[in-house]
């Protein structure tokens, strides 16, 4: 995929590239941090309930689990992990 960048202002391609590269690096650091934190939460729930997060999601989505507050917290952590993991893959695949 190729993207075109339209820049308003009198900036060199080098300046624009540096800003974009810096923003991508910052987003990559944020994504790695969030992935680590969400993973820690998921691992705590996995130990507590002796079930991996993928199996938990299957059971939760199918309604086989109750309405325990832990399950909603686990669900949010797993979704956050998956979303940020996908974002990191996208960010890591961008070449400037």
C-alpha atoms as a PDB file:
ATOM      1  CA  UNK A   1       0.000   0.000   0.000  1.00  0.00           C
ATOM      2  CA  UNK A   2       1.225   3.470  -0.791  1.00  0.00           C
ATOM      3  CA  UNK A   3      -0.007   6.593   0.978  1.00  0.00           C
ATOM      4  CA  UNK A   4       0.345  10.153  -0.165  1.00  0.00           C
ATOM      5  CA  UNK A   5       1.010  12.891   2.366  1.00  0.00           C
ATOM      6  CA  UNK A   6      -0.212  16.406   1.699  1.00  0.00           C
ATOM      7  CA  UNK A   7       1.677  18.928   3.798  1.00  0.00           C
ATOM      8  CA  UNK A   8       0.553  22.518   4.256  1.00  0.00           C
ATOM      9  CA  UNK A   9       3.427  24.882   4.774  1.00  0.00           C
ATOM     10  CA  UNK A  10       6.958  25.377   3.569  1.00  0.00           C
ATOM     11  CA  UNK A  11       8.713  22.283   4.929  1.00  0.00           C
ATOM     12  CA  UNK A  12      11.316  20.077   3.334  1.00  0.00           C
ATOM     13  CA  UNK A  13      10.585  16.391   2.773  1.00  0.00           C
ATOM     14  CA  UNK A  14      13.392  15.667   5.281  1.00  0.00           C
ATOM     15  CA  UNK A  15      11.683  17.739   7.996  1.00  0.00           C
ATOM     16  CA  UNK A  16       8.343  16.071   7.359  1.00  0.00           C
ATOM     17  CA  UNK A  17       9.922  12.607   7.389  1.00  0.00           C
ATOM     18  CA  UNK A  18      11.637  13.299  10.714  1.00  0.00           C
ATOM     19  CA  UNK A  19       8.400  14.450  12.327  1.00  0.00           C
ATOM     20  CA  UNK A  20       6.477  11.443  11.017  1.00  0.00           C
ATOM     21  CA  UNK A  21       9.248   9.055  12.065  1.00  0.00           C
ATOM     22  CA  UNK A  22       9.287  10.570  15.562  1.00  0.00           C
ATOM     23  CA  UNK A  23       5.510  10.280  15.872  1.00  0.00           C
ATOM     24  CA  UNK A  24       5.652   6.640  14.786  1.00  0.00           C
ATOM     25  CA  UNK A  25       8.416   5.903  17.303  1.00  0.00           C
ATOM     26  CA  UNK A  26       6.386   7.532  20.094  1.00  0.00           C
ATOM     27  CA  UNK A  27       3.300   5.550  19.115  1.00  0.00           C
ATOM     28  CA  UNK A  28       5.377   2.387  19.048  1.00  0.00           C
ATOM     29  CA  UNK A  29       6.614   3.045  22.606  1.00  0.00           C
ATOM     30  CA  UNK A  30       3.068   3.731  23.801  1.00  0.00           C
ATOM     31  CA  UNK A  31       1.785   0.560  22.124  1.00  0.00           C
ATOM     32  CA  UNK A  32       4.521  -1.588  23.704  1.00  0.00           C
ATOM     33  CA  UNK A  33       3.784  -0.114  27.124  1.00  0.00           C
ATOM     34  CA  UNK A  34       0.044  -0.706  26.833  1.00  0.00           C
ATOM     35  CA  UNK A  35       0.555  -4.241  25.517  1.00  0.00           C
ATOM     36  CA  UNK A  36       2.775  -5.019  28.504  1.00  0.00           C
ATOM     37  CA  UNK A  37       0.250  -3.623  30.999  1.00  0.00           C
ATOM     38  CA  UNK A  38      -2.755  -5.371  29.421  1.00  0.00           C
ATOM     39  CA  UNK A  39      -0.781  -8.620  29.234  1.00  0.00           C
ATOM     40  CA  UNK A  40       0.028  -8.406  32.955  1.00  0.00           C
ATOM     41  CA  UNK A  41      -3.679  -7.993  33.780  1.00  0.00           C
ATOM     42  CA  UNK A  42      -4.606 -10.927  31.529  1.00  0.00           C
ATOM     43  CA  UNK A  43      -1.916 -13.132  33.074  1.00  0.00           C
ATOM     44  CA  UNK A  44      -3.227 -12.358  36.568  1.00  0.00           C
ATOM     45  CA  UNK A  45      -6.739 -13.419  35.534  1.00  0.00           C
ATOM     46  CA  UNK A  46      -5.384 -16.509  33.746  1.00  0.00           C
ATOM     47  CA  UNK A  47      -3.686 -17.627  36.953  1.00  0.00           C
ATOM     48  CA  UNK A  48      -6.709 -16.828  39.092  1.00  0.00           C
ATOM     49  CA  UNK A  49      -9.197 -18.690  36.881  1.00  0.00           C
ATOM     50  CA  UNK A  50      -6.784 -21.301  35.430  1.00  0.00           C
ATOM     51  CA  UNK A  51      -7.828 -20.486  31.867  1.00  0.00           C
ATOM     52  CA  UNK A  52      -6.007 -18.747  29.028  1.00  0.00           C
ATOM     53  CA  UNK A  53      -7.376 -15.487  27.708  1.00  0.00           C
ATOM     54  CA  UNK A  54      -8.380 -16.845  24.290  1.00  0.00           C
ATOM     55  CA  UNK A  55     -10.519 -19.569  25.871  1.00  0.00           C
ATOM     56  CA  UNK A  56     -11.944 -17.020  28.280  1.00  0.00           C
ATOM     57  CA  UNK A  57     -12.973 -14.788  25.358  1.00  0.00           C
ATOM     58  CA  UNK A  58     -14.716 -17.704  23.629  1.00  0.00           C
ATOM     59  CA  UNK A  59     -16.643 -18.556  26.793  1.00  0.00           C
ATOM     60  CA  UNK A  60     -17.421 -14.927  27.617  1.00  0.00           C
ATOM     61  CA  UNK A  61     -18.634 -14.143  24.088  1.00  0.00           C
ATOM     62  CA  UNK A  62     -20.848 -17.233  24.055  1.00  0.00           C
ATOM     63  CA  UNK A  63     -22.434 -16.322  27.398  1.00  0.00           C
ATOM     64  CA  UNK A  64     -21.037 -19.355  29.239  1.00  0.00           C
ATOM     65  CA  UNK A  65     -19.637 -17.204  32.039  1.00  0.00           C
ATOM     66  CA  UNK A  66     -21.489 -15.125  34.593  1.00  0.00           C
ATOM     67  CA  UNK A  67     -21.566 -11.390  35.135  1.00  0.00           C
ATOM     68  CA  UNK A  68     -18.669 -11.289  37.598  1.00  0.00           C
ATOM     69  CA  UNK A  69     -16.878  -7.908  37.613  1.00  0.00           C
ATOM     70  CA  UNK A  70     -13.594  -9.754  37.079  1.00  0.00           C
ATOM     71  CA  UNK A  71     -14.857 -11.058  33.754  1.00  0.00           C
ATOM     72  CA  UNK A  72     -15.615  -7.575  32.484  1.00  0.00           C
ATOM     73  CA  UNK A  73     -12.184  -6.398  33.601  1.00  0.00           C
ATOM     74  CA  UNK A  74     -10.552  -9.379  31.923  1.00  0.00           C
ATOM     75  CA  UNK A  75     -12.572  -8.800  28.762  1.00  0.00           C
ATOM     76  CA  UNK A  76     -11.481  -5.145  28.646  1.00  0.00           C
ATOM     77  CA  UNK A  77      -7.827  -6.082  29.219  1.00  0.00           C
ATOM     78  CA  UNK A  78      -7.873  -8.751  26.507  1.00  0.00           C
ATOM     79  CA  UNK A  79      -9.560  -6.413  24.019  1.00  0.00           C
ATOM     80  CA  UNK A  80      -7.055  -3.687  24.883  1.00  0.00           C
ATOM     81  CA  UNK A  81      -4.195  -6.144  24.407  1.00  0.00           C
ATOM     82  CA  UNK A  82      -5.529  -7.263  21.018  1.00  0.00           C
ATOM     83  CA  UNK A  83      -6.184  -3.714  19.792  1.00  0.00           C
ATOM     84  CA  UNK A  84      -2.762  -2.395  20.801  1.00  0.00           C
ATOM     85  CA  UNK A  85      -1.045  -5.492  19.441  1.00  0.00           C
ATOM     86  CA  UNK A  86      -2.677  -4.851  16.061  1.00  0.00           C
ATOM     87  CA  UNK A  87      -1.706  -1.166  16.205  1.00  0.00           C
ATOM     88  CA  UNK A  88       1.904  -2.111  16.948  1.00  0.00           C
ATOM     89  CA  UNK A  89       1.982  -4.449  13.945  1.00  0.00           C
ATOM     90  CA  UNK A  90       0.655  -1.668  11.728  1.00  0.00           C
ATOM     91  CA  UNK A  91       3.093   0.911  13.106  1.00  0.00           C
ATOM     92  CA  UNK A  92       6.028  -1.515  12.815  1.00  0.00           C
ATOM     93  CA  UNK A  93       5.193  -2.175   9.174  1.00  0.00           C
ATOM     94  CA  UNK A  94       5.291   1.475   8.109  1.00  0.00           C
ATOM     95  CA  UNK A  95       8.352   2.560   6.164  1.00  0.00           C
ATOM     96  CA  UNK A  96       9.190   6.226   5.654  1.00  0.00           C
END
